[in-house]
């Protein structure tokens, strides 16, 4: 049995729930100058993790359709499966020790192995 929010996670920028987020991410992806980091804040269930994963896919897609990830190329399929070593997702509520932060810091110095950008998603960082 699949959890509803995981099964029906947005696959395109336009599918995100909040119009302000769609507009902001669209402007960022269309721009040549992109910020080094992003902070997604909001109430539980507002789509912060979905937006972060979607942004990681849009940045690393090989065959973008405008700003939207194609969801068909090797990079997109790897990211959809959660199998990419270049996109690291850490649950900060569970992994909050100094050793966890050190491991992430060491990995941050490494260049991406396959993708264009290395992405760290630090989830539940209250």
PDB file of N, CA and C in Angstrom:
ATOM      1  N   UNK A   1       0.836  -1.178   0.000  1.00  0.00           N
ATOM      2  CA  UNK A   1       0.000   0.000   0.000  1.00  0.00           C
ATOM      3  C   UNK A   1       0.886   1.248   0.000  1.00  0.00           C
ATOM      4  N   UNK A   2       0.620   2.147  -0.919  1.00  0.00           N
ATOM      5  CA  UNK A   2       1.409   3.367  -1.053  1.00  0.00           C
ATOM      6  C   UNK A   2       0.737   4.515  -0.298  1.00  0.00           C
ATOM      7  N   UNK A   3       1.549   5.356   0.282  1.00  0.00           N
ATOM      8  CA  UNK A   3       1.034   6.533   0.970  1.00  0.00           C
ATOM      9  C   UNK A   3       0.575   7.530  -0.091  1.00  0.00           C
ATOM     10  N   UNK A   4      -0.591   8.132   0.136  1.00  0.00           N
ATOM     11  CA  UNK A   4      -1.214   9.003  -0.863  1.00  0.00           C
ATOM     12  C   UNK A   4      -0.293  10.115  -1.338  1.00  0.00           C
ATOM     13  N   UNK A   5       0.331  10.864  -0.410  1.00  0.00           N
ATOM     14  CA  UNK A   5       1.137  12.017  -0.805  1.00  0.00           C
ATOM     15  C   UNK A   5       2.404  11.606  -1.540  1.00  0.00           C
ATOM     16  N   UNK A   6       2.889  10.380  -1.343  1.00  0.00           N
ATOM     17  CA  UNK A   6       4.050   9.912  -2.096  1.00  0.00           C
ATOM     18  C   UNK A   6       3.637   9.449  -3.482  1.00  0.00           C
ATOM     19  N   UNK A   7       2.495   8.804  -3.570  1.00  0.00           N
ATOM     20  CA  UNK A   7       2.018   8.295  -4.851  1.00  0.00           C
ATOM     21  C   UNK A   7       1.611   9.437  -5.784  1.00  0.00           C
ATOM     22  N   UNK A   8       1.048  10.486  -5.232  1.00  0.00           N
ATOM     23  CA  UNK A   8       0.520  11.584  -6.039  1.00  0.00           C
ATOM     24  C   UNK A   8       1.342  12.860  -5.900  1.00  0.00           C
ATOM     25  N   UNK A   9       2.637  12.715  -5.732  1.00  0.00           N
ATOM     26  CA  UNK A   9       3.543  13.855  -5.628  1.00  0.00           C
ATOM     27  C   UNK A   9       3.591  14.558  -6.993  1.00  0.00           C
ATOM     28  N   UNK A  10       3.587  15.897  -7.026  1.00  0.00           N
ATOM     29  CA  UNK A  10       3.630  16.631  -8.302  1.00  0.00           C
ATOM     30  C   UNK A  10       4.850  16.240  -9.144  1.00  0.00           C
ATOM     31  N   UNK A  11       4.648  16.092 -10.447  1.00  0.00           N
ATOM     32  CA  UNK A  11       5.713  15.702 -11.362  1.00  0.00           C
ATOM     33  C   UNK A  11       6.199  16.853 -12.226  1.00  0.00           C
ATOM     34  N   UNK A  12       5.466  17.962 -12.228  1.00  0.00           N
ATOM     35  CA  UNK A  12       5.831  19.132 -13.030  1.00  0.00           C
ATOM     36  C   UNK A  12       5.692  20.378 -12.151  1.00  0.00           C
ATOM     37  N   UNK A  13       6.403  21.424 -12.506  1.00  0.00           N
ATOM     38  CA  UNK A  13       6.342  22.672 -11.748  1.00  0.00           C
ATOM     39  C   UNK A  13       4.905  23.198 -11.725  1.00  0.00           C
ATOM     40  N   UNK A  14       4.226  23.107 -12.838  1.00  0.00           N
ATOM     41  CA  UNK A  14       2.851  23.602 -12.937  1.00  0.00           C
ATOM     42  C   UNK A  14       1.884  22.835 -12.039  1.00  0.00           C
ATOM     43  N   UNK A  15       2.256  21.630 -11.612  1.00  0.00           N
ATOM     44  CA  UNK A  15       1.389  20.816 -10.756  1.00  0.00           C
ATOM     45  C   UNK A  15       1.466  21.196  -9.282  1.00  0.00           C
ATOM     46  N   UNK A  16       2.403  22.054  -8.905  1.00  0.00           N
ATOM     47  CA  UNK A  16       2.520  22.455  -7.502  1.00  0.00           C
ATOM     48  C   UNK A  16       1.270  23.216  -7.080  1.00  0.00           C
ATOM     49  N   UNK A  17       0.913  23.093  -5.807  1.00  0.00           N
ATOM     50  CA  UNK A  17      -0.354  23.634  -5.312  1.00  0.00           C
ATOM     51  C   UNK A  17      -0.409  25.151  -5.216  1.00  0.00           C
ATOM     52  N   UNK A  18       0.678  25.777  -4.784  1.00  0.00           N
ATOM     53  CA  UNK A  18       0.642  27.209  -4.526  1.00  0.00           C
ATOM     54  C   UNK A  18       1.132  28.011  -5.733  1.00  0.00           C
ATOM     55  N   UNK A  19       0.291  28.904  -6.260  1.00  0.00           N
ATOM     56  CA  UNK A  19       0.677  29.698  -7.440  1.00  0.00           C
ATOM     57  C   UNK A  19       1.928  30.552  -7.215  1.00  0.00           C
ATOM     58  N   UNK A  20       2.127  31.032  -5.991  1.00  0.00           N
ATOM     59  CA  UNK A  20       3.308  31.848  -5.696  1.00  0.00           C
ATOM     60  C   UNK A  20       4.585  31.019  -5.844  1.00  0.00           C
ATOM     61  N   UNK A  21       4.518  29.764  -5.424  1.00  0.00           N
ATOM     62  CA  UNK A  21       5.677  28.875  -5.531  1.00  0.00           C
ATOM     63  C   UNK A  21       5.952  28.559  -6.995  1.00  0.00           C
ATOM     64  N   UNK A  22       4.910  28.296  -7.764  1.00  0.00           N
ATOM     65  CA  UNK A  22       5.065  28.028  -9.204  1.00  0.00           C
ATOM     66  C   UNK A  22       5.723  29.222  -9.878  1.00  0.00           C
ATOM     67  N   UNK A  23       5.259  30.428  -9.555  1.00  0.00           N
ATOM     68  CA  UNK A  23       5.812  31.645 -10.160  1.00  0.00           C
ATOM     69  C   UNK A  23       7.279  31.825  -9.774  1.00  0.00           C
ATOM     70  N   UNK A  24       7.596  31.632  -8.500  1.00  0.00           N
ATOM     71  CA  UNK A  24       8.976  31.814  -8.036  1.00  0.00           C
ATOM     72  C   UNK A  24       9.923  30.804  -8.665  1.00  0.00           C
ATOM     73  N   UNK A  25       9.527  29.537  -8.672  1.00  0.00           N
ATOM     74  CA  UNK A  25      10.393  28.501  -9.251  1.00  0.00           C
ATOM     75  C   UNK A  25      10.543  28.707 -10.750  1.00  0.00           C
ATOM     76  N   UNK A  26       9.487  29.131 -11.418  1.00  0.00           N
ATOM     77  CA  UNK A  26       9.558  29.413 -12.855  1.00  0.00           C
ATOM     78  C   UNK A  26      10.558  30.530 -13.127  1.00  0.00           C
ATOM     79  N   UNK A  27      10.493  31.608 -12.350  1.00  0.00           N
ATOM     80  CA  UNK A  27      11.424  32.725 -12.544  1.00  0.00           C
ATOM     81  C   UNK A  27      12.863  32.285 -12.288  1.00  0.00           C
ATOM     82  N   UNK A  28      13.074  31.462 -11.265  1.00  0.00           N
ATOM     83  CA  UNK A  28      14.419  30.979 -10.947  1.00  0.00           C
ATOM     84  C   UNK A  28      14.962  30.108 -12.072  1.00  0.00           C
ATOM     85  N   UNK A  29      14.152  29.194 -12.568  1.00  0.00           N
ATOM     86  CA  UNK A  29      14.614  28.278 -13.615  1.00  0.00           C
ATOM     87  C   UNK A  29      14.833  28.979 -14.954  1.00  0.00           C
ATOM     88  N   UNK A  30      14.110  30.063 -15.205  1.00  0.00           N
ATOM     89  CA  UNK A  30      14.290  30.820 -16.446  1.00  0.00           C
ATOM     90  C   UNK A  30      15.499  31.747 -16.379  1.00  0.00           C
ATOM     91  N   UNK A  31      15.944  32.069 -15.194  1.00  0.00           N
ATOM     92  CA  UNK A  31      17.059  32.992 -15.004  1.00  0.00           C
ATOM     93  C   UNK A  31      18.393  32.303 -15.272  1.00  0.00           C
ATOM     94  N   UNK A  32      19.355  33.082 -15.739  1.00  0.00           N
ATOM     95  CA  UNK A  32      20.706  32.545 -15.930  1.00  0.00           C
ATOM     96  C   UNK A  32      21.455  32.496 -14.604  1.00  0.00           C
ATOM     97  N   UNK A  33      21.189  33.466 -13.737  1.00  0.00           N
ATOM     98  CA  UNK A  33      21.824  33.517 -12.425  1.00  0.00           C
ATOM     99  C   UNK A  33      20.902  32.853 -11.406  1.00  0.00           C
ATOM    100  N   UNK A  34      21.359  31.715 -10.894  1.00  0.00           N
ATOM    101  CA  UNK A  34      20.547  30.980  -9.926  1.00  0.00           C
ATOM    102  C   UNK A  34      21.198  31.059  -8.557  1.00  0.00           C
ATOM    103  N   UNK A  35      20.376  31.108  -7.506  1.00  0.00           N
ATOM    104  CA  UNK A  35      20.951  31.119  -6.168  1.00  0.00           C
ATOM    105  C   UNK A  35      21.643  29.795  -5.846  1.00  0.00           C
ATOM    106  N   UNK A  36      22.555  29.843  -4.928  1.00  0.00           N
ATOM    107  CA  UNK A  36      23.291  28.649  -4.528  1.00  0.00           C
ATOM    108  C   UNK A  36      22.439  27.735  -3.656  1.00  0.00           C
ATOM    109  N   UNK A  37      21.532  28.330  -2.879  1.00  0.00           N
ATOM    110  CA  UNK A  37      20.711  27.524  -1.982  1.00  0.00           C
ATOM    111  C   UNK A  37      19.288  28.085  -1.940  1.00  0.00           C
ATOM    112  N   UNK A  38      18.378  27.235  -1.497  1.00  0.00           N
ATOM    113  CA  UNK A  38      16.968  27.588  -1.410  1.00  0.00           C
ATOM    114  C   UNK A  38      16.467  27.224  -0.025  1.00  0.00           C
ATOM    115  N   UNK A  39      15.528  27.988   0.492  1.00  0.00           N
ATOM    116  CA  UNK A  39      14.887  27.681   1.760  1.00  0.00           C
ATOM    117  C   UNK A  39      13.385  27.628   1.506  1.00  0.00           C
ATOM    118  N   UNK A  40      12.816  26.448   1.673  1.00  0.00           N
ATOM    119  CA  UNK A  40      11.374  26.274   1.525  1.00  0.00           C
ATOM    120  C   UNK A  40      10.773  26.240   2.921  1.00  0.00           C
ATOM    121  N   UNK A  41       9.882  27.172   3.209  1.00  0.00           N
ATOM    122  CA  UNK A  41       9.255  27.251   4.526  1.00  0.00           C
ATOM    123  C   UNK A  41       7.750  27.291   4.349  1.00  0.00           C
ATOM    124  N   UNK A  42       7.046  26.737   5.324  1.00  0.00           N
ATOM    125  CA  UNK A  42       5.596  26.746   5.277  1.00  0.00           C
ATOM    126  C   UNK A  42       5.025  25.670   6.174  1.00  0.00           C
ATOM    127  N   UNK A  43       3.705  25.645   6.282  1.00  0.00           N
ATOM    128  CA  UNK A  43       3.077  24.655   7.147  1.00  0.00           C
ATOM    129  C   UNK A  43       3.199  23.230   6.585  1.00  0.00           C
ATOM    130  N   UNK A  44       2.986  22.274   7.457  1.00  0.00           N
ATOM    131  CA  UNK A  44       3.049  20.871   7.085  1.00  0.00           C
ATOM    132  C   UNK A  44       2.070  20.592   5.948  1.00  0.00           C
ATOM    133  N   UNK A  45       2.547  19.865   4.950  1.00  0.00           N
ATOM    134  CA  UNK A  45       1.690  19.495   3.828  1.00  0.00           C
ATOM    135  C   UNK A  45       1.588  20.537   2.731  1.00  0.00           C
ATOM    136  N   UNK A  46       2.383  21.595   2.801  1.00  0.00           N
ATOM    137  CA  UNK A  46       2.278  22.653   1.782  1.00  0.00           C
ATOM    138  C   UNK A  46       3.123  22.375   0.543  1.00  0.00           C
ATOM    139  N   UNK A  47       3.908  21.293   0.537  1.00  0.00           N
ATOM    140  CA  UNK A  47       4.631  20.905  -0.670  1.00  0.00           C
ATOM    141  C   UNK A  47       6.086  21.310  -0.694  1.00  0.00           C
ATOM    142  N   UNK A  48       6.689  21.524   0.452  1.00  0.00           N
ATOM    143  CA  UNK A  48       8.093  21.950   0.503  1.00  0.00           C
ATOM    144  C   UNK A  48       9.025  20.879  -0.055  1.00  0.00           C
ATOM    145  N   UNK A  49       8.874  19.651   0.393  1.00  0.00           N
ATOM    146  CA  UNK A  49       9.735  18.570  -0.075  1.00  0.00           C
ATOM    147  C   UNK A  49       9.471  18.271  -1.540  1.00  0.00           C
ATOM    148  N   UNK A  50       8.215  18.290  -1.944  1.00  0.00           N
ATOM    149  CA  UNK A  50       7.870  18.062  -3.353  1.00  0.00           C
ATOM    150  C   UNK A  50       8.512  19.122  -4.240  1.00  0.00           C
ATOM    151  N   UNK A  51       8.456  20.374  -3.809  1.00  0.00           N
ATOM    152  CA  UNK A  51       9.051  21.462  -4.588  1.00  0.00           C
ATOM    153  C   UNK A  51      10.568  21.303  -4.671  1.00  0.00           C
ATOM    154  N   UNK A  52      11.189  20.892  -3.572  1.00  0.00           N
ATOM    155  CA  UNK A  52      12.646  20.705  -3.568  1.00  0.00           C
ATOM    156  C   UNK A  52      13.050  19.572  -4.513  1.00  0.00           C
ATOM    157  N   UNK A  53      12.344  18.469  -4.470  1.00  0.00           N
ATOM    158  CA  UNK A  53      12.656  17.344  -5.363  1.00  0.00           C
ATOM    159  C   UNK A  53      12.418  17.717  -6.823  1.00  0.00           C
ATOM    160  N   UNK A  54      11.350  18.444  -7.067  1.00  0.00           N
ATOM    161  CA  UNK A  54      11.033  18.880  -8.426  1.00  0.00           C
ATOM    162  C   UNK A  54      12.076  19.853  -8.950  1.00  0.00           C
ATOM    163  N   UNK A  55      12.540  20.752  -8.098  1.00  0.00           N
ATOM    164  CA  UNK A  55      13.583  21.694  -8.483  1.00  0.00           C
ATOM    165  C   UNK A  55      14.885  20.952  -8.805  1.00  0.00           C
ATOM    166  N   UNK A  56      15.218  19.949  -8.007  1.00  0.00           N
ATOM    167  CA  UNK A  56      16.419  19.144  -8.270  1.00  0.00           C
ATOM    168  C   UNK A  56      16.312  18.452  -9.622  1.00  0.00           C
ATOM    169  N   UNK A  57      15.126  17.931  -9.941  1.00  0.00           N
ATOM    170  CA  UNK A  57      14.926  17.262 -11.230  1.00  0.00           C
ATOM    171  C   UNK A  57      14.990  18.264 -12.377  1.00  0.00           C
ATOM    172  N   UNK A  58      14.377  19.432 -12.205  1.00  0.00           N
ATOM    173  CA  UNK A  58      14.376  20.452 -13.263  1.00  0.00           C
ATOM    174  C   UNK A  58      15.784  20.966 -13.542  1.00  0.00           C
ATOM    175  N   UNK A  59      16.594  21.102 -12.514  1.00  0.00           N
ATOM    176  CA  UNK A  59      17.966  21.574 -12.702  1.00  0.00           C
ATOM    177  C   UNK A  59      18.841  20.545 -13.411  1.00  0.00           C
ATOM    178  N   UNK A  60      18.556  19.270 -13.214  1.00  0.00           N
ATOM    179  CA  UNK A  60      19.424  18.212 -13.734  1.00  0.00           C
ATOM    180  C   UNK A  60      18.866  17.467 -14.943  1.00  0.00           C
ATOM    181  N   UNK A  61      17.717  17.871 -15.435  1.00  0.00           N
ATOM    182  CA  UNK A  61      17.104  17.184 -16.582  1.00  0.00           C
ATOM    183  C   UNK A  61      17.932  17.404 -17.850  1.00  0.00           C
ATOM    184  N   UNK A  62      18.106  16.337 -18.618  1.00  0.00           N
ATOM    185  CA  UNK A  62      18.869  16.410 -19.870  1.00  0.00           C
ATOM    186  C   UNK A  62      18.049  16.974 -21.020  1.00  0.00           C
ATOM    187  N   UNK A  63      16.735  16.742 -21.012  1.00  0.00           N
ATOM    188  CA  UNK A  63      15.864  17.133 -22.129  1.00  0.00           C
ATOM    189  C   UNK A  63      14.685  17.949 -21.631  1.00  0.00           C
ATOM    190  N   UNK A  64      14.973  19.088 -21.015  1.00  0.00           N
ATOM    191  CA  UNK A  64      13.921  19.932 -20.458  1.00  0.00           C
ATOM    192  C   UNK A  64      12.941  20.367 -21.522  1.00  0.00           C
ATOM    193  N   UNK A  65      11.689  20.473 -21.115  1.00  0.00           N
ATOM    194  CA  UNK A  65      10.637  21.014 -21.971  1.00  0.00           C
ATOM    195  C   UNK A  65      10.315  22.405 -21.434  1.00  0.00           C
ATOM    196  N   UNK A  66      11.077  23.403 -21.856  1.00  0.00           N
ATOM    197  CA  UNK A  66      10.986  24.735 -21.262  1.00  0.00           C
ATOM    198  C   UNK A  66      11.700  24.694 -19.921  1.00  0.00           C
ATOM    199  N   UNK A  67      10.932  24.881 -18.846  1.00  0.00           N
ATOM    200  CA  UNK A  67      11.512  24.750 -17.505  1.00  0.00           C
ATOM    201  C   UNK A  67      11.159  23.425 -16.863  1.00  0.00           C
ATOM    202  N   UNK A  68      10.211  22.717 -17.447  1.00  0.00           N
ATOM    203  CA  UNK A  68       9.704  21.477 -16.864  1.00  0.00           C
ATOM    204  C   UNK A  68      10.654  20.313 -17.128  1.00  0.00           C
ATOM    205  N   UNK A  69      10.879  19.461 -16.124  1.00  0.00           N
ATOM    206  CA  UNK A  69      11.673  18.247 -16.374  1.00  0.00           C
ATOM    207  C   UNK A  69      10.870  17.290 -17.252  1.00  0.00           C
ATOM    208  N   UNK A  70      11.569  16.555 -18.091  1.00  0.00           N
ATOM    209  CA  UNK A  70      10.875  15.656 -19.017  1.00  0.00           C
ATOM    210  C   UNK A  70      10.330  14.407 -18.320  1.00  0.00           C
ATOM    211  N   UNK A  71      10.936  14.014 -17.201  1.00  0.00           N
ATOM    212  CA  UNK A  71      10.568  12.810 -16.452  1.00  0.00           C
ATOM    213  C   UNK A  71      10.784  11.523 -17.244  1.00  0.00           C
ATOM    214  N   UNK A  72      11.540  11.611 -18.351  1.00  0.00           N
ATOM    215  CA  UNK A  72      11.787  10.432 -19.197  1.00  0.00           C
ATOM    216  C   UNK A  72      13.266  10.134 -19.391  1.00  0.00           C
ATOM    217  N   UNK A  73      14.106  11.151 -19.265  1.00  0.00           N
ATOM    218  CA  UNK A  73      15.541  10.939 -19.477  1.00  0.00           C
ATOM    219  C   UNK A  73      16.118  10.120 -18.319  1.00  0.00           C
ATOM    220  N   UNK A  74      17.340   9.662 -18.493  1.00  0.00           N
ATOM    221  CA  UNK A  74      17.983   8.840 -17.462  1.00  0.00           C
ATOM    222  C   UNK A  74      18.076   9.571 -16.125  1.00  0.00           C
ATOM    223  N   UNK A  75      18.439  10.846 -16.173  1.00  0.00           N
ATOM    224  CA  UNK A  75      18.566  11.617 -14.934  1.00  0.00           C
ATOM    225  C   UNK A  75      17.226  11.727 -14.207  1.00  0.00           C
ATOM    226  N   UNK A  76      16.175  12.040 -14.944  1.00  0.00           N
ATOM    227  CA  UNK A  76      14.849  12.185 -14.328  1.00  0.00           C
ATOM    228  C   UNK A  76      14.367  10.859 -13.738  1.00  0.00           C
ATOM    229  N   UNK A  77      14.540   9.788 -14.479  1.00  0.00           N
ATOM    230  CA  UNK A  77      14.092   8.481 -13.970  1.00  0.00           C
ATOM    231  C   UNK A  77      14.869   8.089 -12.717  1.00  0.00           C
ATOM    232  N   UNK A  78      16.164   8.362 -12.713  1.00  0.00           N
ATOM    233  CA  UNK A  78      16.989   8.060 -11.543  1.00  0.00           C
ATOM    234  C   UNK A  78      16.530   8.876 -10.334  1.00  0.00           C
ATOM    235  N   UNK A  79      16.222  10.145 -10.553  1.00  0.00           N
ATOM    236  CA  UNK A  79      15.759  11.001  -9.464  1.00  0.00           C
ATOM    237  C   UNK A  79      14.359  10.612  -8.990  1.00  0.00           C
ATOM    238  N   UNK A  80      13.500  10.202  -9.907  1.00  0.00           N
ATOM    239  CA  UNK A  80      12.160   9.762  -9.525  1.00  0.00           C
ATOM    240  C   UNK A  80      12.209   8.502  -8.661  1.00  0.00           C
ATOM    241  N   UNK A  81      13.166   7.633  -8.943  1.00  0.00           N
ATOM    242  CA  UNK A  81      13.334   6.415  -8.140  1.00  0.00           C
ATOM    243  C   UNK A  81      14.017   6.701  -6.806  1.00  0.00           C
ATOM    244  N   UNK A  82      14.635   7.860  -6.700  1.00  0.00           N
ATOM    245  CA  UNK A  82      15.390   8.191  -5.488  1.00  0.00           C
ATOM    246  C   UNK A  82      16.721   7.472  -5.429  1.00  0.00           C
ATOM    247  N   UNK A  83      17.268   7.142  -6.609  1.00  0.00           N
ATOM    248  CA  UNK A  83      18.482   6.331  -6.676  1.00  0.00           C
ATOM    249  C   UNK A  83      19.732   7.133  -7.014  1.00  0.00           C
ATOM    250  N   UNK A  84      19.640   8.439  -7.105  1.00  0.00           N
ATOM    251  CA  UNK A  84      20.794   9.240  -7.488  1.00  0.00           C
ATOM    252  C   UNK A  84      21.688   9.515  -6.289  1.00  0.00           C
ATOM    253  N   UNK A  85      22.985   9.351  -6.499  1.00  0.00           N
ATOM    254  CA  UNK A  85      23.944   9.669  -5.432  1.00  0.00           C
ATOM    255  C   UNK A  85      24.221  11.170  -5.371  1.00  0.00           C
ATOM    256  N   UNK A  86      23.794  11.906  -6.392  1.00  0.00           N
ATOM    257  CA  UNK A  86      24.039  13.342  -6.441  1.00  0.00           C
ATOM    258  C   UNK A  86      22.921  14.168  -5.806  1.00  0.00           C
ATOM    259  N   UNK A  87      21.817  13.541  -5.472  1.00  0.00           N
ATOM    260  CA  UNK A  87      20.743  14.214  -4.749  1.00  0.00           C
ATOM    261  C   UNK A  87      20.599  13.494  -3.417  1.00  0.00           C
ATOM    262  N   UNK A  88      21.016  14.184  -2.369  1.00  0.00           N
ATOM    263  CA  UNK A  88      21.049  13.604  -1.028  1.00  0.00           C
ATOM    264  C   UNK A  88      19.902  14.192  -0.227  1.00  0.00           C
ATOM    265  N   UNK A  89      19.046  13.332   0.289  1.00  0.00           N
ATOM    266  CA  UNK A  89      17.945  13.794   1.122  1.00  0.00           C
ATOM    267  C   UNK A  89      18.179  13.296   2.541  1.00  0.00           C
ATOM    268  N   UNK A  90      18.164  14.229   3.481  1.00  0.00           N
ATOM    269  CA  UNK A  90      18.416  13.894   4.878  1.00  0.00           C
ATOM    270  C   UNK A  90      17.258  14.372   5.731  1.00  0.00           C
ATOM    271  N   UNK A  91      16.775  13.501   6.591  1.00  0.00           N
ATOM    272  CA  UNK A  91      15.734  13.865   7.533  1.00  0.00           C
ATOM    273  C   UNK A  91      16.409  14.436   8.772  1.00  0.00           C
ATOM    274  N   UNK A  92      16.351  15.749   8.937  1.00  0.00           N
ATOM    275  CA  UNK A  92      17.060  16.407  10.037  1.00  0.00           C
ATOM    276  C   UNK A  92      16.437  16.098  11.391  1.00  0.00           C
ATOM    277  N   UNK A  93      15.191  15.650  11.410  1.00  0.00           N
ATOM    278  CA  UNK A  93      14.575  15.298  12.684  1.00  0.00           C
ATOM    279  C   UNK A  93      15.202  14.024  13.253  1.00  0.00           C
ATOM    280  N   UNK A  94      15.589  13.107  12.391  1.00  0.00           N
ATOM    281  CA  UNK A  94      16.189  11.846  12.832  1.00  0.00           C
ATOM    282  C   UNK A  94      17.712  11.910  12.878  1.00  0.00           C
ATOM    283  N   UNK A  95      18.310  12.606  11.921  1.00  0.00           N
ATOM    284  CA  UNK A  95      19.771  12.677  11.802  1.00  0.00           C
ATOM    285  C   UNK A  95      20.261  14.041  12.258  1.00  0.00           C
ATOM    286  N   UNK A  96      20.252  14.261  13.537  1.00  0.00           N
ATOM    287  CA  UNK A  96      20.598  15.591  14.030  1.00  0.00           C
ATOM    288  C   UNK A  96      21.895  15.629  14.806  1.00  0.00           C
ATOM    289  N   UNK A  97      22.652  14.557  14.755  1.00  0.00           N
ATOM    290  CA  UNK A  97      23.928  14.516  15.468  1.00  0.00           C
ATOM    291  C   UNK A  97      25.032  15.208  14.696  1.00  0.00           C
ATOM    292  N   UNK A  98      26.081  15.541  15.392  1.00  0.00           N
ATOM    293  CA  UNK A  98      27.224  16.213  14.770  1.00  0.00           C
ATOM    294  C   UNK A  98      27.876  15.329  13.717  1.00  0.00           C
ATOM    295  N   UNK A  99      27.868  14.015  13.936  1.00  0.00           N
ATOM    296  CA  UNK A  99      28.459  13.106  12.954  1.00  0.00           C
ATOM    297  C   UNK A  99      27.681  13.113  11.646  1.00  0.00           C
ATOM    298  N   UNK A 100      26.353  13.229  11.720  1.00  0.00           N
ATOM    299  CA  UNK A 100      25.530  13.301  10.512  1.00  0.00           C
ATOM    300  C   UNK A 100      25.855  14.554   9.706  1.00  0.00           C
ATOM    301  N   UNK A 101      26.056  15.653  10.394  1.00  0.00           N
ATOM    302  CA  UNK A 101      26.397  16.914   9.728  1.00  0.00           C
ATOM    303  C   UNK A 101      27.796  16.824   9.116  1.00  0.00           C
ATOM    304  N   UNK A 102      28.723  16.200   9.802  1.00  0.00           N
ATOM    305  CA  UNK A 102      30.078  16.043   9.265  1.00  0.00           C
ATOM    306  C   UNK A 102      30.079  15.218   7.983  1.00  0.00           C
ATOM    307  N   UNK A 103      29.306  14.138   7.972  1.00  0.00           N
ATOM    308  CA  UNK A 103      29.216  13.295   6.774  1.00  0.00           C
ATOM    309  C   UNK A 103      28.656  14.106   5.607  1.00  0.00           C
ATOM    310  N   UNK A 104      27.613  14.886   5.868  1.00  0.00           N
ATOM    311  CA  UNK A 104      27.025  15.699   4.803  1.00  0.00           C
ATOM    312  C   UNK A 104      28.017  16.758   4.324  1.00  0.00           C
ATOM    313  N   UNK A 105      28.741  17.357   5.235  1.00  0.00           N
ATOM    314  CA  UNK A 105      29.732  18.373   4.870  1.00  0.00           C
ATOM    315  C   UNK A 105      30.823  17.776   3.991  1.00  0.00           C
ATOM    316  N   UNK A 106      31.289  16.569   4.326  1.00  0.00           N
ATOM    317  CA  UNK A 106      32.309  15.895   3.515  1.00  0.00           C
ATOM    318  C   UNK A 106      31.786  15.595   2.117  1.00  0.00           C
ATOM    319  N   UNK A 107      30.528  15.196   2.018  1.00  0.00           N
ATOM    320  CA  UNK A 107      29.941  14.895   0.711  1.00  0.00           C
ATOM    321  C   UNK A 107      29.729  16.152  -0.115  1.00  0.00           C
ATOM    322  N   UNK A 108      29.546  17.295   0.552  1.00  0.00           N
ATOM    323  CA  UNK A 108      29.306  18.551  -0.161  1.00  0.00           C
ATOM    324  C   UNK A 108      30.530  19.011  -0.943  1.00  0.00           C
ATOM    325  N   UNK A 109      31.711  18.620  -0.495  1.00  0.00           N
ATOM    326  CA  UNK A 109      32.934  19.027  -1.188  1.00  0.00           C
ATOM    327  C   UNK A 109      33.172  18.228  -2.467  1.00  0.00           C
ATOM    328  N   UNK A 110      32.505  17.109  -2.620  1.00  0.00           N
ATOM    329  CA  UNK A 110      32.696  16.272  -3.805  1.00  0.00           C
ATOM    330  C   UNK A 110      31.887  16.809  -4.979  1.00  0.00           C
ATOM    331  N   UNK A 111      32.441  16.720  -6.160  1.00  0.00           N
ATOM    332  CA  UNK A 111      31.715  17.127  -7.364  1.00  0.00           C
ATOM    333  C   UNK A 111      30.643  16.098  -7.679  1.00  0.00           C
ATOM    334  N   UNK A 112      29.594  16.514  -8.400  1.00  0.00           N
ATOM    335  CA  UNK A 112      28.571  15.536  -8.783  1.00  0.00           C
ATOM    336  C   UNK A 112      29.176  14.438  -9.658  1.00  0.00           C
ATOM    337  N   UNK A 113      28.732  13.217  -9.464  1.00  0.00           N
ATOM    338  CA  UNK A 113      29.306  12.107 -10.225  1.00  0.00           C
ATOM    339  C   UNK A 113      28.670  11.972 -11.598  1.00  0.00           C
ATOM    340  N   UNK A 114      27.368  12.208 -11.712  1.00  0.00           N
ATOM    341  CA  UNK A 114      26.694  12.034 -12.996  1.00  0.00           C
ATOM    342  C   UNK A 114      25.891  13.269 -13.398  1.00  0.00           C
ATOM    343  N   UNK A 115      25.213  13.860 -12.443  1.00  0.00           N
ATOM    344  CA  UNK A 115      24.335  14.988 -12.734  1.00  0.00           C
ATOM    345  C   UNK A 115      25.119  16.292 -12.866  1.00  0.00           C
ATOM    346  N   UNK A 116      24.455  17.311 -13.367  1.00  0.00           N
ATOM    347  CA  UNK A 116      25.087  18.617 -13.513  1.00  0.00           C
ATOM    348  C   UNK A 116      25.243  19.308 -12.154  1.00  0.00           C
ATOM    349  N   UNK A 117      24.228  19.158 -11.290  1.00  0.00           N
ATOM    350  CA  UNK A 117      24.238  19.802  -9.986  1.00  0.00           C
ATOM    351  C   UNK A 117      24.079  18.765  -8.879  1.00  0.00           C
ATOM    352  N   UNK A 118      24.789  18.965  -7.799  1.00  0.00           N
ATOM    353  CA  UNK A 118      24.616  18.157  -6.602  1.00  0.00           C
ATOM    354  C   UNK A 118      23.604  18.893  -5.727  1.00  0.00           C
ATOM    355  N   UNK A 119      22.626  18.167  -5.215  1.00  0.00           N
ATOM    356  CA  UNK A 119      21.544  18.779  -4.449  1.00  0.00           C
ATOM    357  C   UNK A 119      21.430  18.082  -3.092  1.00  0.00           C
ATOM    358  N   UNK A 120      21.323  18.883  -2.043  1.00  0.00           N
ATOM    359  CA  UNK A 120      21.089  18.371  -0.694  1.00  0.00           C
ATOM    360  C   UNK A 120      19.724  18.877  -0.246  1.00  0.00           C
ATOM    361  N   UNK A 121      18.848  17.969   0.101  1.00  0.00           N
ATOM    362  CA  UNK A 121      17.535  18.315   0.636  1.00  0.00           C
ATOM    363  C   UNK A 121      17.560  17.948   2.114  1.00  0.00           C
ATOM    364  N   UNK A 122      17.495  18.957   2.963  1.00  0.00           N
ATOM    365  CA  UNK A 122      17.486  18.718   4.400  1.00  0.00           C
ATOM    366  C   UNK A 122      16.051  18.942   4.865  1.00  0.00           C
ATOM    367  N   UNK A 123      15.372  17.839   5.101  1.00  0.00           N
ATOM    368  CA  UNK A 123      13.949  17.844   5.399  1.00  0.00           C
ATOM    369  C   UNK A 123      13.714  17.878   6.913  1.00  0.00           C
ATOM    370  N   UNK A 124      12.611  18.439   7.311  1.00  0.00           N
ATOM    371  CA  UNK A 124      12.206  18.489   8.726  1.00  0.00           C
ATOM    372  C   UNK A 124      13.248  19.198   9.598  1.00  0.00           C
ATOM    373  N   UNK A 125      13.820  20.281   9.085  1.00  0.00           N
ATOM    374  CA  UNK A 125      14.802  21.050   9.857  1.00  0.00           C
ATOM    375  C   UNK A 125      14.083  22.192  10.573  1.00  0.00           C
ATOM    376  N   UNK A 126      13.500  21.882  11.707  1.00  0.00           N
ATOM    377  CA  UNK A 126      12.716  22.864  12.448  1.00  0.00           C
ATOM    378  C   UNK A 126      13.621  23.848  13.139  1.00  0.00           C
TER     379      UNK A 126
END
